[in-house]
N, C-alpha and C. Protein backbone atom coordinates (compact mmCIF):
# COMPACT_ATOMS: atom_id res chain seq x y z
N MET A 1 -141.61 121.86 -1.76
CA MET A 1 -142.09 121.63 -0.38
C MET A 1 -143.61 121.60 -0.34
N ILE A 2 -144.06 120.71 0.39
CA ILE A 2 -145.46 120.41 0.75
C ILE A 2 -146.02 120.90 1.83
N PRO A 3 -147.08 121.54 2.07
CA PRO A 3 -147.58 122.23 3.31
C PRO A 3 -148.15 120.94 4.23
N LEU A 4 -148.08 121.04 5.43
CA LEU A 4 -148.37 120.30 6.35
C LEU A 4 -149.94 119.94 6.44
N GLY A 5 -150.55 120.88 6.04
CA GLY A 5 -151.93 121.01 5.94
C GLY A 5 -152.47 119.56 4.88
N TYR A 6 -151.67 119.24 3.99
CA TYR A 6 -151.84 118.08 2.90
C TYR A 6 -151.81 116.90 3.68
N PHE A 7 -150.80 116.72 4.79
CA PHE A 7 -150.83 115.61 5.58
C PHE A 7 -152.16 115.39 6.51
N LEU A 8 -152.53 116.43 6.93
CA LEU A 8 -153.88 116.74 7.76
C LEU A 8 -154.74 116.24 7.15
N ILE A 9 -155.05 116.49 5.94
CA ILE A 9 -156.27 116.26 4.94
C ILE A 9 -156.12 114.57 4.97
N ALA A 10 -154.80 114.09 4.58
CA ALA A 10 -154.76 112.69 4.19
C ALA A 10 -154.78 112.00 5.66
N TRP A 11 -154.59 112.46 6.44
CA TRP A 11 -154.91 111.71 7.95
C TRP A 11 -156.41 111.81 8.20
N LEU A 12 -157.17 112.92 8.04
CA LEU A 12 -158.47 113.12 8.11
C LEU A 12 -159.19 111.91 7.26
N VAL A 13 -158.94 111.70 5.94
CA VAL A 13 -159.46 110.85 4.89
C VAL A 13 -159.28 109.19 5.70
N LEU A 14 -157.97 109.04 6.06
CA LEU A 14 -157.90 107.78 6.59
C LEU A 14 -158.59 107.51 7.98
N VAL A 15 -158.81 108.61 8.89
CA VAL A 15 -159.74 108.22 10.01
C VAL A 15 -161.28 108.19 9.55
N ALA A 16 -161.44 108.80 8.69
CA ALA A 16 -162.88 108.52 8.21
C ALA A 16 -162.99 107.25 7.75
N ILE A 17 -162.12 106.58 7.17
CA ILE A 17 -162.08 105.12 6.35
C ILE A 17 -162.15 104.47 7.72
N PHE A 18 -161.19 104.58 8.57
CA PHE A 18 -161.02 103.89 9.76
C PHE A 18 -162.45 103.96 10.80
N ALA A 19 -163.14 105.00 10.75
CA ALA A 19 -164.37 105.18 11.39
C ALA A 19 -165.44 104.40 10.92
N LEU A 20 -165.38 104.31 9.65
CA LEU A 20 -166.58 103.42 8.86
C LEU A 20 -166.14 101.99 9.06
N MET A 21 -164.73 101.61 8.85
CA MET A 21 -164.56 100.26 9.06
C MET A 21 -164.88 99.60 10.72
N ALA A 22 -164.61 100.59 11.70
CA ALA A 22 -164.91 100.42 12.95
C ALA A 22 -166.49 100.42 13.45
N PHE A 23 -167.07 100.97 12.62
CA PHE A 23 -168.54 101.18 12.69
C PHE A 23 -168.94 99.94 12.26
N VAL A 24 -168.78 99.16 11.36
CA VAL A 24 -169.05 97.92 10.48
C VAL A 24 -168.70 96.88 11.60
N THR A 25 -167.34 96.98 12.07
CA THR A 25 -166.86 96.00 13.09
C THR A 25 -167.67 96.01 14.36
N VAL A 26 -168.21 97.08 14.66
CA VAL A 26 -168.83 97.03 16.04
C VAL A 26 -170.16 96.53 15.82
N ILE A 27 -170.82 97.00 14.80
CA ILE A 27 -172.21 96.33 14.19
C ILE A 27 -172.19 94.93 14.20
N MET A 28 -171.21 94.20 13.28
CA MET A 28 -171.25 93.11 13.56
C MET A 28 -170.86 92.25 14.41
N ASN A 29 -170.04 92.88 15.58
CA ASN A 29 -169.60 92.02 16.46
C ASN A 29 -170.98 92.00 17.39
N VAL A 30 -171.73 93.00 17.46
CA VAL A 30 -173.07 93.02 18.37
C VAL A 30 -174.12 92.29 17.89
N ARG A 31 -173.98 92.26 16.50
CA ARG A 31 -175.38 91.45 15.61
C ARG A 31 -175.30 90.04 15.48
N TYR A 32 -173.72 89.73 15.37
CA TYR A 32 -173.69 88.53 15.27
C TYR A 32 -172.61 87.65 16.23
N GLY A 33 -172.12 88.48 17.04
CA GLY A 33 -171.24 87.87 18.00
C GLY A 33 -172.08 86.89 19.10
N LEU A 34 -171.66 86.06 19.89
CA LEU A 34 -172.33 85.30 20.56
C LEU A 34 -173.37 86.24 21.78
N SER A 35 -174.11 85.91 21.98
CA SER A 35 -174.88 86.90 22.89
C SER A 35 -174.57 86.61 24.53
N GLY A 36 -173.68 87.41 24.81
CA GLY A 36 -173.20 87.51 26.11
C GLY A 36 -172.38 88.44 26.76
N LEU A 37 -172.02 88.50 27.67
CA LEU A 37 -171.27 89.58 28.28
C LEU A 37 -170.17 90.10 27.96
N MET A 38 -169.18 88.88 27.50
CA MET A 38 -167.86 89.29 26.84
C MET A 38 -167.99 89.88 25.29
N THR A 39 -169.05 89.75 24.63
CA THR A 39 -169.37 90.50 23.66
C THR A 39 -169.54 91.83 23.83
N TYR A 40 -170.14 92.41 24.86
CA TYR A 40 -170.31 93.60 24.98
C TYR A 40 -169.29 94.36 25.74
N VAL A 41 -168.68 93.54 26.32
CA VAL A 41 -167.43 93.91 27.22
C VAL A 41 -166.14 94.48 26.32
N SER A 42 -165.80 93.16 25.27
CA SER A 42 -164.78 93.39 24.02
C SER A 42 -165.26 94.67 23.39
N THR A 43 -166.36 95.03 23.05
CA THR A 43 -166.96 95.96 22.06
C THR A 43 -166.72 97.24 22.71
N ALA A 44 -166.55 97.28 24.18
CA ALA A 44 -166.72 98.61 24.90
C ALA A 44 -165.19 98.71 25.11
N ILE A 45 -164.26 97.87 25.41
CA ILE A 45 -162.86 98.19 25.23
C ILE A 45 -162.29 98.46 24.05
N PHE A 46 -162.99 98.11 22.92
CA PHE A 46 -162.55 98.67 21.56
C PHE A 46 -162.89 100.01 21.23
N LEU A 47 -164.05 100.12 21.79
CA LEU A 47 -164.30 101.66 21.52
C LEU A 47 -163.85 102.75 22.40
N ILE A 48 -163.59 102.29 23.79
CA ILE A 48 -162.73 102.83 24.55
C ILE A 48 -161.12 103.25 24.15
N VAL A 49 -160.73 101.92 23.69
CA VAL A 49 -159.30 102.31 23.01
C VAL A 49 -159.10 103.28 22.00
N VAL A 50 -160.07 103.06 21.02
CA VAL A 50 -160.32 103.73 19.70
C VAL A 50 -160.38 105.30 20.15
N CYS A 51 -161.38 105.61 21.02
CA CYS A 51 -161.61 106.97 21.49
C CYS A 51 -160.38 107.52 22.37
N ALA A 52 -159.47 106.85 23.09
CA ALA A 52 -158.41 107.20 23.57
C ALA A 52 -157.32 107.63 22.68
N VAL A 53 -157.03 107.02 21.81
CA VAL A 53 -156.15 107.02 20.64
C VAL A 53 -156.56 108.40 19.84
N LEU A 54 -157.89 108.46 19.41
CA LEU A 54 -158.23 109.50 18.55
C LEU A 54 -158.32 110.88 19.48
N PHE A 55 -158.33 110.92 20.63
CA PHE A 55 -158.31 112.03 21.33
C PHE A 55 -156.87 112.30 21.81
N ALA A 56 -156.07 111.42 22.07
CA ALA A 56 -154.48 111.69 22.16
C ALA A 56 -153.81 112.09 20.71
N THR A 57 -154.18 111.42 19.77
CA THR A 57 -153.69 112.01 18.45
C THR A 57 -154.37 113.59 18.16
N GLY A 58 -155.50 113.86 18.52
CA GLY A 58 -156.01 114.91 18.27
C GLY A 58 -155.19 115.94 19.23
N GLY A 59 -155.15 115.54 20.45
CA GLY A 59 -154.23 116.43 21.34
C GLY A 59 -152.95 116.89 20.80
N TYR A 60 -152.29 115.86 20.27
CA TYR A 60 -150.85 116.38 19.69
C TYR A 60 -151.12 117.08 18.42
N LEU A 61 -151.91 116.64 17.52
CA LEU A 61 -152.06 117.51 16.14
C LEU A 61 -152.43 118.86 16.64
N ALA A 62 -153.07 119.11 17.66
CA ALA A 62 -153.38 120.87 17.89
C ALA A 62 -152.08 121.64 18.45
N THR A 63 -150.80 120.77 18.69
CA THR A 63 -149.84 121.52 18.84
C THR A 63 -148.83 121.52 17.94
N VAL A 64 -149.42 121.16 16.63
CA VAL A 64 -148.56 121.27 15.44
C VAL A 64 -148.48 122.39 14.79
N ASP A 65 -147.53 123.14 14.28
CA ASP A 65 -147.68 124.64 13.46
C ASP A 65 -147.88 123.98 11.92
N TRP A 66 -149.21 124.11 11.49
CA TRP A 66 -149.63 123.80 10.45
C TRP A 66 -149.10 124.77 9.27
N SER A 67 -148.47 125.80 9.56
CA SER A 67 -147.80 126.90 8.41
C SER A 67 -146.36 126.30 7.91
N GLN A 68 -145.96 125.29 8.66
CA GLN A 68 -144.65 124.74 7.98
C GLN A 68 -144.70 124.03 6.95
N GLU A 69 -143.72 123.73 6.17
CA GLU A 69 -143.76 122.93 5.03
C GLU A 69 -142.95 121.74 5.44
N ALA A 70 -143.19 120.74 4.60
CA ALA A 70 -142.30 119.55 4.75
C ALA A 70 -141.28 119.41 3.48
N ASP A 71 -140.16 119.03 3.56
CA ASP A 71 -139.21 119.03 2.49
C ASP A 71 -139.06 117.36 2.36
N ILE A 72 -139.77 116.68 1.51
CA ILE A 72 -139.77 115.30 1.38
C ILE A 72 -138.49 114.86 0.65
N VAL A 73 -138.23 115.70 -0.52
CA VAL A 73 -136.95 115.23 -1.30
C VAL A 73 -136.00 116.35 -0.90
N PRO A 74 -134.74 116.13 -0.57
CA PRO A 74 -134.15 117.14 -0.24
C PRO A 74 -133.24 117.46 -1.52
N SER A 75 -133.10 118.96 -1.52
CA SER A 75 -132.51 119.29 -2.75
C SER A 75 -130.70 118.89 -2.80
N SER A 76 -130.44 119.09 -4.07
CA SER A 76 -129.04 118.43 -4.38
C SER A 76 -128.03 119.18 -3.47
N GLU A 77 -127.98 120.62 -3.01
CA GLU A 77 -126.94 121.15 -2.50
C GLU A 77 -127.16 120.43 -1.05
N ALA A 78 -128.36 119.87 -0.39
CA ALA A 78 -128.35 119.41 0.96
C ALA A 78 -127.77 118.07 0.98
N VAL A 79 -127.71 117.37 -0.23
CA VAL A 79 -127.14 116.04 -0.27
C VAL A 79 -125.40 116.17 0.02
N TYR A 80 -124.82 117.13 -1.14
CA TYR A 80 -123.68 117.58 -1.08
C TYR A 80 -122.80 118.21 0.21
N GLU A 81 -123.88 118.74 0.79
CA GLU A 81 -123.44 119.31 2.29
C GLU A 81 -122.64 118.10 3.20
N LEU A 82 -123.24 116.99 3.20
CA LEU A 82 -122.82 116.10 4.09
C LEU A 82 -121.34 115.75 3.78
């Protein structure tokens, strides 16, 4: 049995990697993108969508009971019960 908290930690590590990559993407888009309105509009849309997804995911994760455990590999009795 694996505690669900381990999955939360793994998710937070992946979100941190994503945040770093998104930061680099935004900096490169603004720095080396064509100077124009569409560069800033596309960057703003990207940031708005990222924030919306992260807030929605955070809202869902707030409802999870983290004291539960996940059974990744079922025991042999569970296989034979089918």
